[in-house]
Amino acid sequence: MYLINTLIIGLLLSTTNASSLSTERLNFTWSDINTREVIEWRGDTAVIHPDSSMQELSCKINLDSQDITLSIEKFGIPKTWTLITYTDLEDLAKKQKDLKKKSELHGITMLDGKDKFAVNYKWVINQSSRKLRHAAKAIKSAARRRGYRSRRELVGAFASFVQSLEYKVPKEYRINDDGETILTAGAMMPLETISKQWGDCDSKSMLFATLVNSIDLVRISFITLDDHIFAAVQLSPKAEDHSVRYKGEDWVLIELTDAWPIGRVPEKHLHNIKNRRYTIVDLN
């Protein structure tokens, strides 16, 4: 007789449901923090020129609600998949391999040797870019109307747009129409993030990457720490920019959870950055 074992796999988890309307018409107005005149930085505090102000930008974005719903439905795996029944270690290894392969089709990566899952950032961005290209063009047009010309200026418009969305951590699951619990990796799809107008560091970073990727504005990678994620864009750094070197190139860091200018990240994370205690996720 075979001994039947059960393994419940741990998860790094999230998402939610979309609107049933045919089209969502959204108006956005935000301030671009990159347009302030900074005299100097004192740690996390910027000393601003007294006559300086931030450029205000605005645009209208239309989203197809069906696209939002479909993007949500594609992402995440049923909780039942993480319950594995096996007869021996060889059987377990095979079923874990099959689960990893199946999860990849839904934007979830099974971490080797850890029995945990993480979001597949590249899959999410590739799945979302075409559907958000019109939104990216609307943001770019709004910046152009205000005189933005350089690539760095345009990146700033996109970064400040994403930063203006509320910071909020998604739930660790969603319930689909059949009442099934669907687990993610602590993130929402970009279409859902822009529709709900909130997200956490993962969700906001993926939205930013999707927008700039959809119009080929700038090359982008992610810098992941134990409990945080930054975007890194391939730009020539300015004197006080926080940046990293990767494959012989400079990558300027962007904090997207709150209003931080391009090239500045909170001091509490700099120690890990300077000591190379991070992982680079190449999205190119």
C-alpha atoms as a PDB file:
ATOM      1  CA  MET A   1       0.000   0.000   0.000  1.00  0.00           C
ATOM      2  CA  TYR A   2       1.206   3.487  -0.818  1.00  0.00           C
ATOM      3  CA  LEU A   3       1.536   6.031   1.951  1.00  0.00           C
ATOM      4  CA  ILE A   4      -0.495   9.125   1.030  1.00  0.00           C
ATOM      5  CA  ASN A   5       1.017  12.413   2.151  1.00  0.00           C
ATOM      6  CA  THR A   6      -0.388  15.916   1.945  1.00  0.00           C
ATOM      7  CA  LEU A   7       1.626  19.096   1.523  1.00  0.00           C
ATOM      8  CA  ILE A   8       0.039  22.547   1.861  1.00  0.00           C
ATOM      9  CA  ILE A   9       2.323  24.982   0.110  1.00  0.00           C
ATOM     10  CA  GLY A  10       2.973  28.370   1.707  1.00  0.00           C
ATOM     11  CA  LEU A  11       2.309  31.528  -0.273  1.00  0.00           C
ATOM     12  CA  LEU A  12       3.570  35.117  -0.618  1.00  0.00           C
ATOM     13  CA  LEU A  13       0.048  36.424  -1.625  1.00  0.00           C
ATOM     14  CA  SER A  14      -3.456  39.008  -3.506  1.00  0.00           C
ATOM     15  CA  THR A  15      -6.305  40.878  -5.979  1.00  0.00           C
ATOM     16  CA  THR A  16     -10.005  41.898  -6.275  1.00  0.00           C
ATOM     17  CA  ASN A  17     -13.033  42.182  -8.579  1.00  0.00           C
ATOM     18  CA  ALA A  18     -13.663  44.633 -11.445  1.00  0.00           C
ATOM     19  CA  SER A  19     -16.549  46.807 -12.582  1.00  0.00           C
ATOM     20  CA  SER A  20     -19.263  45.397 -14.834  1.00  0.00           C
ATOM     21  CA  LEU A  21     -19.717  48.623 -16.805  1.00  0.00           C
ATOM     22  CA  SER A  22     -18.726  48.512 -20.477  1.00  0.00           C
ATOM     23  CA  THR A  23     -16.370  51.498 -20.246  1.00  0.00           C
ATOM     24  CA  GLU A  24     -14.732  53.255 -17.342  1.00  0.00           C
ATOM     25  CA  ARG A  25     -14.058  56.933 -18.018  1.00  0.00           C
ATOM     26  CA  LEU A  26     -11.531  58.249 -15.557  1.00  0.00           C
ATOM     27  CA  ASN A  27     -10.216  61.777 -15.035  1.00  0.00           C
ATOM     28  CA  PHE A  28      -6.778  62.174 -13.482  1.00  0.00           C
ATOM     29  CA  THR A  29      -5.109  65.312 -12.157  1.00  0.00           C
ATOM     30  CA  TRP A  30      -1.742  65.150 -10.435  1.00  0.00           C
ATOM     31  CA  SER A  31       1.346  67.199  -9.575  1.00  0.00           C
ATOM     32  CA  ASP A  32       4.774  66.288 -10.903  1.00  0.00           C
ATOM     33  CA  ILE A  33       7.231  66.421  -8.004  1.00  0.00           C
ATOM     34  CA  ASN A  34      10.139  66.349 -10.452  1.00  0.00           C
ATOM     35  CA  THR A  35       9.343  69.921 -11.525  1.00  0.00           C
ATOM     36  CA  ARG A  36      10.204  71.470  -8.135  1.00  0.00           C
ATOM     37  CA  GLU A  37      13.481  73.354  -7.877  1.00  0.00           C
ATOM     38  CA  VAL A  38      15.487  71.586  -5.168  1.00  0.00           C
ATOM     39  CA  ILE A  39      18.292  73.629  -3.620  1.00  0.00           C
ATOM     40  CA  GLU A  40      19.743  70.726  -1.648  1.00  0.00           C
ATOM     41  CA  TRP A  41      18.895  67.427   0.028  1.00  0.00           C
ATOM     42  CA  ARG A  42      19.253  66.837   3.760  1.00  0.00           C
ATOM     43  CA  GLY A  43      18.683  63.142   4.075  1.00  0.00           C
ATOM     44  CA  ASP A  44      15.075  62.541   3.020  1.00  0.00           C
ATOM     45  CA  THR A  45      14.241  66.253   3.194  1.00  0.00           C
ATOM     46  CA  ALA A  46      14.409  68.426   0.096  1.00  0.00           C
ATOM     47  CA  VAL A  47      15.148  72.122   0.558  1.00  0.00           C
ATOM     48  CA  ILE A  48      12.969  73.794  -2.085  1.00  0.00           C
ATOM     49  CA  HIS A  49      13.478  77.193  -3.706  1.00  0.00           C
ATOM     50  CA  PRO A  50      10.837  79.535  -2.215  1.00  0.00           C
ATOM     51  CA  ASP A  51       9.518  80.529  -5.658  1.00  0.00           C
ATOM     52  CA  SER A  52       9.328  76.942  -6.876  1.00  0.00           C
ATOM     53  CA  SER A  53       6.100  75.096  -7.646  1.00  0.00           C
ATOM     54  CA  MET A  54       5.082  71.769  -9.141  1.00  0.00           C
ATOM     55  CA  GLN A  55       3.659  71.377 -12.626  1.00  0.00           C
ATOM     56  CA  GLU A  56       0.077  70.101 -12.603  1.00  0.00           C
ATOM     57  CA  LEU A  57      -0.911  67.561 -15.222  1.00  0.00           C
ATOM     58  CA  SER A  58      -4.274  66.110 -16.176  1.00  0.00           C
ATOM     59  CA  CYS A  59      -5.687  63.618 -18.641  1.00  0.00           C
ATOM     60  CA  LYS A  60      -8.700  61.461 -19.373  1.00  0.00           C
ATOM     61  CA  ILE A  61      -8.349  57.695 -19.647  1.00  0.00           C
ATOM     62  CA  ASN A  62     -10.984  55.272 -20.908  1.00  0.00           C
ATOM     63  CA  LEU A  63     -10.744  51.640 -19.835  1.00  0.00           C
ATOM     64  CA  ASP A  64     -12.663  48.712 -21.250  1.00  0.00           C
ATOM     65  CA  SER A  65     -14.261  46.965 -18.282  1.00  0.00           C
ATOM     66  CA  GLN A  66     -14.145  43.644 -20.079  1.00  0.00           C
ATOM     67  CA  ASP A  67     -10.373  44.026 -20.468  1.00  0.00           C
ATOM     68  CA  ILE A  68     -10.111  44.683 -16.727  1.00  0.00           C
ATOM     69  CA  THR A  69     -12.187  41.633 -15.865  1.00  0.00           C
ATOM     70  CA  LEU A  70     -10.259  39.359 -18.223  1.00  0.00           C
ATOM     71  CA  SER A  71      -6.888  40.551 -16.931  1.00  0.00           C
ATOM     72  CA  ILE A  72      -7.957  39.803 -13.350  1.00  0.00           C
ATOM     73  CA  GLU A  73      -9.278  36.371 -14.302  1.00  0.00           C
ATOM     74  CA  LYS A  74      -6.009  35.434 -16.019  1.00  0.00           C
ATOM     75  CA  PHE A  75      -3.900  36.257 -12.968  1.00  0.00           C
ATOM     76  CA  GLY A  76      -3.490  34.066  -9.908  1.00  0.00           C
ATOM     77  CA  ILE A  77      -3.941  30.398  -9.065  1.00  0.00           C
ATOM     78  CA  PRO A  78      -6.722  28.536  -7.225  1.00  0.00           C
ATOM     79  CA  LYS A  79      -5.909  27.825  -3.609  1.00  0.00           C
ATOM     80  CA  THR A  80      -6.793  24.184  -4.203  1.00  0.00           C
ATOM     81  CA  TRP A  81      -3.750  23.857  -6.466  1.00  0.00           C
ATOM     82  CA  THR A  82      -1.477  24.366  -3.481  1.00  0.00           C
ATOM     83  CA  LEU A  83      -2.792  21.234  -1.752  1.00  0.00           C
ATOM     84  CA  ILE A  84      -0.643  18.399  -3.073  1.00  0.00           C
ATOM     85  CA  THR A  85      -1.318  14.750  -2.305  1.00  0.00           C
ATOM     86  CA  TYR A  86       1.647  12.476  -3.054  1.00  0.00           C
ATOM     87  CA  THR A  87       2.929   8.938  -2.475  1.00  0.00           C
ATOM     88  CA  ASP A  88       6.679   9.490  -2.181  1.00  0.00           C
ATOM     89  CA  LEU A  89       9.308  12.194  -2.669  1.00  0.00           C
ATOM     90  CA  GLU A  90       9.681  11.418  -6.354  1.00  0.00           C
ATOM     91  CA  ASP A  91       5.936  11.833  -6.839  1.00  0.00           C
ATOM     92  CA  LEU A  92       6.035  15.083  -4.848  1.00  0.00           C
ATOM     93  CA  ALA A  93       8.868  16.472  -6.984  1.00  0.00           C
ATOM     94  CA  LYS A  94       6.958  15.669 -10.180  1.00  0.00           C
ATOM     95  CA  LYS A  95       3.762  17.292  -8.940  1.00  0.00           C
ATOM     96  CA  GLN A  96       5.631  20.369  -7.761  1.00  0.00           C
ATOM     97  CA  LYS A  97       7.263  20.642 -11.189  1.00  0.00           C
ATOM     98  CA  ASP A  98       3.861  20.349 -12.881  1.00  0.00           C
ATOM     99  CA  LEU A  99       2.400  22.955 -10.519  1.00  0.00           C
ATOM    100  CA  LYS A 100       5.250  25.353 -11.250  1.00  0.00           C
ATOM    101  CA  LYS A 101       4.695  25.000 -14.986  1.00  0.00           C
ATOM    102  CA  LYS A 102       0.932  25.453 -14.659  1.00  0.00           C
ATOM    103  CA  SER A 103       1.283  28.469 -12.345  1.00  0.00           C
ATOM    104  CA  GLU A 104       3.573  30.228 -14.824  1.00  0.00           C
ATOM    105  CA  LEU A 105       0.647  30.366 -17.254  1.00  0.00           C
ATOM    106  CA  HIS A 106      -1.197  32.535 -14.737  1.00  0.00           C
ATOM    107  CA  GLY A 107       1.573  35.008 -13.870  1.00  0.00           C
ATOM    108  CA  ILE A 108       2.791  33.164 -10.786  1.00  0.00           C
ATOM    109  CA  THR A 109       6.303  31.824 -10.253  1.00  0.00           C
ATOM    110  CA  MET A 110       6.927  28.961  -7.825  1.00  0.00           C
ATOM    111  CA  LEU A 111      10.193  29.658  -6.022  1.00  0.00           C
ATOM    112  CA  ASP A 112      12.640  26.767  -6.264  1.00  0.00           C
ATOM    113  CA  GLY A 113      13.198  24.917  -3.009  1.00  0.00           C
ATOM    114  CA  LYS A 114      10.917  27.205  -1.004  1.00  0.00           C
ATOM    115  CA  ASP A 115       7.416  25.927  -1.763  1.00  0.00           C
ATOM    116  CA  LYS A 116       6.321  29.551  -2.077  1.00  0.00           C
ATOM    117  CA  PHE A 117       5.091  31.707  -4.912  1.00  0.00           C
ATOM    118  CA  ALA A 118       5.959  35.137  -6.296  1.00  0.00           C
ATOM    119  CA  VAL A 119       4.501  37.266  -9.051  1.00  0.00           C
ATOM    120  CA  ASN A 120       6.056  36.876 -12.483  1.00  0.00           C
ATOM    121  CA  TYR A 121       6.594  40.578 -13.199  1.00  0.00           C
ATOM    122  CA  LYS A 122       7.568  40.128 -16.826  1.00  0.00           C
ATOM    123  CA  TRP A 123       4.476  38.026 -17.562  1.00  0.00           C
ATOM    124  CA  VAL A 124       2.198  40.639 -16.002  1.00  0.00           C
ATOM    125  CA  ILE A 125       3.770  43.505 -17.940  1.00  0.00           C
ATOM    126  CA  ASN A 126       3.735  41.619 -21.246  1.00  0.00           C
ATOM    127  CA  GLN A 127       0.085  40.678 -20.733  1.00  0.00           C
ATOM    128  CA  SER A 128      -0.901  44.267 -19.919  1.00  0.00           C
ATOM    129  CA  SER A 129       1.122  46.561 -22.176  1.00  0.00           C
ATOM    130  CA  ARG A 130      -1.087  46.488 -25.261  1.00  0.00           C
ATOM    131  CA  LYS A 131      -4.254  47.134 -23.249  1.00  0.00           C
ATOM    132  CA  LEU A 132      -2.731  50.179 -21.550  1.00  0.00           C
ATOM    133  CA  ARG A 133      -1.010  51.739 -24.560  1.00  0.00           C
ATOM    134  CA  HIS A 134      -3.836  54.230 -25.092  1.00  0.00           C
ATOM    135  CA  ALA A 135      -3.591  55.258 -21.419  1.00  0.00           C
ATOM    136  CA  ALA A 136       0.160  55.762 -21.769  1.00  0.00           C
ATOM    137  CA  LYS A 137      -0.370  57.906 -24.850  1.00  0.00           C
ATOM    138  CA  ALA A 138      -2.876  60.051 -22.934  1.00  0.00           C
ATOM    139  CA  ILE A 139      -0.358  60.642 -20.121  1.00  0.00           C
ATOM    140  CA  LYS A 140       2.418  61.404 -22.604  1.00  0.00           C
ATOM    141  CA  SER A 141       0.182  63.852 -24.496  1.00  0.00           C
ATOM    142  CA  ALA A 142      -0.706  65.611 -21.240  1.00  0.00           C
ATOM    143  CA  ALA A 143       2.994  66.077 -20.503  1.00  0.00           C
ATOM    144  CA  ARG A 144       3.780  67.233 -24.045  1.00  0.00           C
ATOM    145  CA  ARG A 145       1.084  69.902 -23.777  1.00  0.00           C
ATOM    146  CA  ARG A 146       2.905  71.249 -20.726  1.00  0.00           C
ATOM    147  CA  GLY A 147       6.212  71.461 -22.540  1.00  0.00           C
ATOM    148  CA  TYR A 148       7.839  68.172 -21.539  1.00  0.00           C
ATOM    149  CA  ARG A 149      10.418  67.175 -24.130  1.00  0.00           C
ATOM    150  CA  SER A 150      13.284  65.125 -22.709  1.00  0.00           C
ATOM    151  CA  ARG A 151      12.965  61.447 -21.918  1.00  0.00           C
ATOM    152  CA  ARG A 152      13.689  62.109 -18.241  1.00  0.00           C
ATOM    153  CA  GLU A 153      10.908  64.711 -18.097  1.00  0.00           C
ATOM    154  CA  LEU A 154       8.454  62.253 -19.639  1.00  0.00           C
ATOM    155  CA  VAL A 155       9.520  59.468 -17.262  1.00  0.00           C
ATOM    156  CA  GLY A 156       8.852  61.923 -14.443  1.00  0.00           C
ATOM    157  CA  ALA A 157       5.322  62.506 -15.722  1.00  0.00           C
ATOM    158  CA  PHE A 158       4.609  58.766 -15.652  1.00  0.00           C
ATOM    159  CA  ALA A 159       6.262  58.235 -12.277  1.00  0.00           C
ATOM    160  CA  SER A 160       4.330  61.094 -10.658  1.00  0.00           C
ATOM    161  CA  PHE A 161       1.088  59.796 -12.195  1.00  0.00           C
ATOM    162  CA  VAL A 162       1.576  56.398 -10.549  1.00  0.00           C
ATOM    163  CA  GLN A 163       2.756  57.960  -7.278  1.00  0.00           C
ATOM    164  CA  SER A 164      -0.442  60.017  -7.119  1.00  0.00           C
ATOM    165  CA  LEU A 165      -2.518  56.846  -6.769  1.00  0.00           C
ATOM    166  CA  GLU A 166      -3.356  55.919  -3.197  1.00  0.00           C
ATOM    167  CA  TYR A 167      -0.977  53.542  -1.429  1.00  0.00           C
ATOM    168  CA  LYS A 168      -2.967  50.572  -0.221  1.00  0.00           C
ATOM    169  CA  VAL A 169      -2.065  46.904   0.193  1.00  0.00           C
ATOM    170  CA  PRO A 170      -4.338  44.473  -1.671  1.00  0.00           C
ATOM    171  CA  LYS A 171      -5.953  41.485  -0.013  1.00  0.00           C
ATOM    172  CA  GLU A 172      -4.195  38.143  -0.282  1.00  0.00           C
ATOM    173  CA  TYR A 173      -6.911  36.568  -2.412  1.00  0.00           C
ATOM    174  CA  ARG A 174      -9.993  37.164  -4.472  1.00  0.00           C
ATOM    175  CA  ILE A 175     -13.134  35.098  -4.818  1.00  0.00           C
ATOM    176  CA  ASN A 176     -14.122  34.299  -8.400  1.00  0.00           C
ATOM    177  CA  ASP A 177     -17.661  33.932  -9.744  1.00  0.00           C
ATOM    178  CA  ASP A 178     -17.701  30.267  -8.766  1.00  0.00           C
ATOM    179  CA  GLY A 179     -16.854  31.078  -5.156  1.00  0.00           C
ATOM    180  CA  GLU A 180     -13.316  29.756  -5.560  1.00  0.00           C
ATOM    181  CA  THR A 181     -10.434  31.365  -3.652  1.00  0.00           C
ATOM    182  CA  ILE A 182      -7.764  32.623  -6.062  1.00  0.00           C
ATOM    183  CA  LEU A 183      -4.331  33.356  -4.652  1.00  0.00           C
ATOM    184  CA  THR A 184      -1.862  35.850  -6.125  1.00  0.00           C
ATOM    185  CA  ALA A 185       1.532  37.058  -4.931  1.00  0.00           C
ATOM    186  CA  GLY A 186       0.554  40.265  -3.156  1.00  0.00           C
ATOM    187  CA  ALA A 187      -0.140  42.197  -6.340  1.00  0.00           C
ATOM    188  CA  MET A 188      -2.837  43.358  -8.748  1.00  0.00           C
ATOM    189  CA  MET A 189      -2.777  43.475 -12.515  1.00  0.00           C
ATOM    190  CA  PRO A 190      -1.992  46.960 -13.923  1.00  0.00           C
ATOM    191  CA  LEU A 191      -5.471  47.388 -15.413  1.00  0.00           C
ATOM    192  CA  GLU A 192      -6.982  46.721 -12.014  1.00  0.00           C
ATOM    193  CA  THR A 193      -4.572  49.103 -10.289  1.00  0.00           C
ATOM    194  CA  ILE A 194      -5.340  52.015 -12.602  1.00  0.00           C
ATOM    195  CA  SER A 195      -9.071  51.273 -12.417  1.00  0.00           C
ATOM    196  CA  LYS A 196      -9.137  51.166  -8.618  1.00  0.00           C
ATOM    197  CA  GLN A 197      -6.633  54.055  -8.443  1.00  0.00           C
ATOM    198  CA  TRP A 198      -4.630  52.455  -5.642  1.00  0.00           C
ATOM    199  CA  GLY A 199      -1.994  49.805  -5.080  1.00  0.00           C
ATOM    200  CA  ASP A 200       1.091  48.783  -3.116  1.00  0.00           C
ATOM    201  CA  CYS A 201       4.740  48.849  -4.199  1.00  0.00           C
ATOM    202  CA  ASP A 202       4.402  45.746  -6.422  1.00  0.00           C
ATOM    203  CA  SER A 203       1.193  46.850  -8.092  1.00  0.00           C
ATOM    204  CA  LYS A 204       2.324  50.436  -8.626  1.00  0.00           C
ATOM    205  CA  SER A 205       5.712  49.349  -9.981  1.00  0.00           C
ATOM    206  CA  MET A 206       4.074  46.984 -12.458  1.00  0.00           C
ATOM    207  CA  LEU A 207       1.659  49.705 -13.586  1.00  0.00           C
ATOM    208  CA  PHE A 208       4.529  52.148 -14.143  1.00  0.00           C
ATOM    209  CA  ALA A 209       6.565  49.530 -16.023  1.00  0.00           C
ATOM    210  CA  THR A 210       3.569  48.593 -18.174  1.00  0.00           C
ATOM    211  CA  LEU A 211       2.851  52.205 -19.124  1.00  0.00           C
ATOM    212  CA  VAL A 212       6.411  53.147 -20.119  1.00  0.00           C
ATOM    213  CA  ASN A 213       6.971  49.768 -21.783  1.00  0.00           C
ATOM    214  CA  SER A 214       3.817  50.092 -23.884  1.00  0.00           C
ATOM    215  CA  ILE A 215       5.222  53.127 -25.736  1.00  0.00           C
ATOM    216  CA  ASP A 216       8.916  52.104 -25.558  1.00  0.00           C
ATOM    217  CA  LEU A 217       9.745  55.207 -23.533  1.00  0.00           C
ATOM    218  CA  VAL A 218      12.601  53.789 -21.444  1.00  0.00           C
ATOM    219  CA  ARG A 219      14.198  50.482 -20.530  1.00  0.00           C
ATOM    220  CA  ILE A 220      13.177  49.361 -17.079  1.00  0.00           C
ATOM    221  CA  SER A 221      14.106  46.782 -14.463  1.00  0.00           C
ATOM    222  CA  PHE A 222      13.016  46.198 -10.884  1.00  0.00           C
ATOM    223  CA  ILE A 223      15.196  46.310  -7.776  1.00  0.00           C
ATOM    224  CA  THR A 224      13.764  44.016  -5.104  1.00  0.00           C
ATOM    225  CA  LEU A 225      14.640  44.063  -1.412  1.00  0.00           C
ATOM    226  CA  ASP A 226      13.286  41.721   1.262  1.00  0.00           C
ATOM    227  CA  ASP A 227      10.205  43.876   1.811  1.00  0.00           C
ATOM    228  CA  HIS A 228      10.186  46.458  -0.978  1.00  0.00           C
ATOM    229  CA  ILE A 229      10.590  47.064  -4.685  1.00  0.00           C
ATOM    230  CA  PHE A 230      11.870  49.990  -6.748  1.00  0.00           C
ATOM    231  CA  ALA A 231      11.744  50.687 -10.445  1.00  0.00           C
ATOM    232  CA  ALA A 232      15.096  51.292 -12.133  1.00  0.00           C
ATOM    233  CA  VAL A 233      15.209  53.102 -15.480  1.00  0.00           C
ATOM    234  CA  GLN A 234      18.114  53.276 -17.897  1.00  0.00           C
ATOM    235  CA  LEU A 235      18.935  57.004 -17.779  1.00  0.00           C
ATOM    236  CA  SER A 236      22.142  58.987 -17.339  1.00  0.00           C
ATOM    237  CA  PRO A 237      22.159  59.800 -13.599  1.00  0.00           C
ATOM    238  CA  LYS A 238      22.389  63.330 -12.282  1.00  0.00           C
ATOM    239  CA  ALA A 239      24.863  64.223  -9.547  1.00  0.00           C
ATOM    240  CA  GLU A 240      22.642  63.365  -6.573  1.00  0.00           C
ATOM    241  CA  ASP A 241      20.673  60.517  -8.125  1.00  0.00           C
ATOM    242  CA  HIS A 242      20.480  57.176  -6.377  1.00  0.00           C
ATOM    243  CA  SER A 243      21.370  54.590  -9.001  1.00  0.00           C
ATOM    244  CA  VAL A 244      22.874  51.139  -9.533  1.00  0.00           C
ATOM    245  CA  ARG A 245      25.191  49.683 -12.152  1.00  0.00           C
ATOM    246  CA  TYR A 246      23.888  46.700 -14.094  1.00  0.00           C
ATOM    247  CA  LYS A 247      25.449  45.117 -17.177  1.00  0.00           C
ATOM    248  CA  GLY A 248      27.780  48.089 -17.518  1.00  0.00           C
ATOM    249  CA  GLU A 249      24.974  50.661 -17.510  1.00  0.00           C
ATOM    250  CA  ASP A 250      23.541  53.138 -15.010  1.00  0.00           C
ATOM    251  CA  TRP A 251      20.006  52.544 -13.789  1.00  0.00           C
ATOM    252  CA  VAL A 252      18.327  55.394 -11.929  1.00  0.00           C
ATOM    253  CA  LEU A 253      16.032  54.366  -9.068  1.00  0.00           C
ATOM    254  CA  ILE A 254      12.411  55.467  -8.699  1.00  0.00           C
ATOM    255  CA  GLU A 255      10.304  55.063  -5.556  1.00  0.00           C
ATOM    256  CA  LEU A 256       6.684  54.706  -6.677  1.00  0.00           C
ATOM    257  CA  THR A 257       4.699  54.234  -3.480  1.00  0.00           C
ATOM    258  CA  ASP A 258       4.675  57.962  -2.692  1.00  0.00           C
ATOM    259  CA  ALA A 259       5.768  61.285  -4.187  1.00  0.00           C
ATOM    260  CA  TRP A 260       9.538  60.975  -4.627  1.00  0.00           C
ATOM    261  CA  PRO A 261      11.451  62.578  -7.504  1.00  0.00           C
ATOM    262  CA  ILE A 262      13.336  60.434  -9.984  1.00  0.00           C
ATOM    263  CA  GLY A 263      16.639  59.293  -8.496  1.00  0.00           C
ATOM    264  CA  ARG A 264      15.667  59.655  -4.813  1.00  0.00           C
ATOM    265  CA  VAL A 265      14.668  56.785  -2.553  1.00  0.00           C
ATOM    266  CA  PRO A 266      14.107  56.754   1.231  1.00  0.00           C
ATOM    267  CA  GLU A 267      17.238  56.720   3.380  1.00  0.00           C
ATOM    268  CA  LYS A 268      16.036  53.596   5.215  1.00  0.00           C
ATOM    269  CA  HIS A 269      16.605  51.553   2.023  1.00  0.00           C
ATOM    270  CA  LEU A 270      19.909  53.098   0.936  1.00  0.00           C
ATOM    271  CA  HIS A 271      22.080  50.927   3.175  1.00  0.00           C
ATOM    272  CA  ASN A 272      20.897  47.795   1.381  1.00  0.00           C
ATOM    273  CA  ILE A 273      21.272  49.456  -2.009  1.00  0.00           C
ATOM    274  CA  LYS A 274      24.818  50.635  -1.298  1.00  0.00           C
ATOM    275  CA  ASN A 275      25.781  47.202   0.035  1.00  0.00           C
ATOM    276  CA  ARG A 276      24.227  45.413  -2.944  1.00  0.00           C
ATOM    277  CA  ARG A 277      21.657  43.614  -0.820  1.00  0.00           C
ATOM    278  CA  TYR A 278      19.097  43.518  -3.573  1.00  0.00           C
ATOM    279  CA  THR A 279      18.024  41.484  -6.562  1.00  0.00           C
ATOM    280  CA  ILE A 280      17.659  42.886 -10.065  1.00  0.00           C
ATOM    281  CA  VAL A 281      14.668  41.687 -12.074  1.00  0.00           C
ATOM    282  CA  ASP A 282      15.501  42.263 -15.730  1.00  0.00           C
ATOM    283  CA  LEU A 283      12.300  43.092 -17.624  1.00  0.00           C
ATOM    284  CA  ASN A 284      13.988  43.685 -20.981  1.00  0.00           C
END
